[in-house]
Protein backbone atom coordinates (compact mmCIF):
# COMPACT_ATOMS: atom_id res chain seq x y z
CA UNK A 1 6.14 222.48 24.43
CA UNK A 2 9.74 222.45 23.21
CA UNK A 3 12.04 225.26 24.26
CA UNK A 4 12.18 228.08 21.73
CA UNK A 5 15.08 230.34 20.83
CA UNK A 6 14.88 233.76 22.55
CA UNK A 7 11.91 232.77 24.73
CA UNK A 8 11.99 233.40 28.47
CA UNK A 9 11.08 230.75 31.02
CA UNK A 10 10.99 230.34 34.77
CA UNK A 11 13.49 227.51 35.27
CA UNK A 12 14.28 225.51 38.40
CA UNK A 13 17.94 225.11 39.41
CA UNK A 14 18.72 221.41 39.86
CA UNK A 15 22.47 221.42 40.51
CA UNK A 16 25.60 223.53 40.60
CA UNK A 17 28.49 222.39 38.42
CA UNK A 18 31.98 223.91 38.08
CA UNK A 19 30.94 225.33 34.68
CA UNK A 20 27.42 226.54 35.55
CA UNK A 21 23.92 225.65 36.69
CA UNK A 22 21.88 222.65 35.59
CA UNK A 23 18.27 223.80 35.23
CA UNK A 24 14.98 222.35 34.06
CA UNK A 25 12.35 224.19 32.01
CA UNK A 26 8.64 223.92 32.88
CA UNK A 27 8.16 221.20 30.22
CA UNK A 28 11.00 219.07 31.63
CA UNK A 29 13.61 220.10 29.06
CA UNK A 30 17.15 220.18 30.49
CA UNK A 31 19.00 223.48 30.36
CA UNK A 32 22.40 224.91 31.28
CA UNK A 33 23.20 228.41 32.48
CA UNK A 34 26.93 228.88 31.97
CA UNK A 35 28.75 230.71 34.77
CA UNK A 36 29.26 233.71 32.47
CA UNK A 37 25.47 233.94 32.03
CA UNK A 38 24.68 233.74 35.77
CA UNK A 39 24.58 237.19 37.40
CA UNK A 40 25.45 235.67 40.80
CA UNK A 41 28.77 234.26 39.60
CA UNK A 42 31.52 234.57 40.85
CA UNK A 43 30.46 236.61 43.90
CA UNK A 44 27.19 234.96 44.89
CA UNK A 45 26.40 231.77 46.75
CA UNK A 46 25.54 229.43 43.89
CA UNK A 47 24.90 226.46 46.20
CA UNK A 48 22.01 228.43 47.71
CA UNK A 49 20.47 228.59 44.21
CA UNK A 50 19.65 224.86 44.12
CA UNK A 51 15.88 224.46 44.19
CA UNK A 52 15.15 228.10 43.36
CA UNK A 53 13.35 229.38 40.29
CA UNK A 54 15.25 231.73 37.97
CA UNK A 55 13.99 233.71 34.98
CA UNK A 56 16.17 232.79 31.98
CA UNK A 57 16.17 233.09 28.21
CA UNK A 58 17.07 230.41 25.66
CA UNK A 59 20.24 231.36 23.76
CA UNK A 60 20.72 228.09 21.85
CA UNK A 61 17.87 225.62 21.43
CA UNK A 62 19.84 223.28 19.15
CA UNK A 63 22.09 221.94 21.93
CA UNK A 64 21.35 219.39 24.62
CA UNK A 65 20.98 220.69 27.22
CA UNK A 66 19.66 223.98 25.81
CA UNK A 67 21.92 226.94 26.60
CA UNK A 68 20.33 229.70 28.65
CA UNK A 69 21.13 233.03 30.28
CA UNK A 70 19.80 234.63 33.45
CA UNK A 71 21.45 237.98 32.68
CA UNK A 72 19.16 240.99 32.34
CA UNK A 73 20.98 242.25 29.24
CA UNK A 74 20.56 238.93 27.41
CA UNK A 75 16.87 238.85 28.31
CA UNK A 76 16.47 242.43 27.01
CA UNK A 77 18.15 241.53 23.70
CA UNK A 78 15.90 238.47 23.35
CA UNK A 79 12.80 240.60 24.02
CA UNK A 80 13.88 243.06 21.32
CA UNK A 81 14.46 240.20 18.86
CA UNK A 82 11.03 238.71 19.63
CA UNK A 83 9.36 242.11 19.15
CA UNK A 84 11.19 242.66 15.85
CA UNK A 85 10.03 239.24 14.67
CA UNK A 86 6.47 239.93 15.80
CA UNK A 87 6.42 237.15 18.43
């Protein structure tokens, strides 16, 4: 199951990088949550996130790794877009 634009997934955090979080989708697809799309950044303990599962939405499925967001507002926009498209 390839990742799909605007779909939400429970992703596992694999590593913390200076620019964001390396994550993996349930199907094994690699993803990246940029710092700006991580609600814990800059105030939270990102190192503690390694190994946890985060709900995130695909923002760009054409890139490798796919670009994702864990922000509530981005997930809400994606839900509205899916509903408008009938998905």
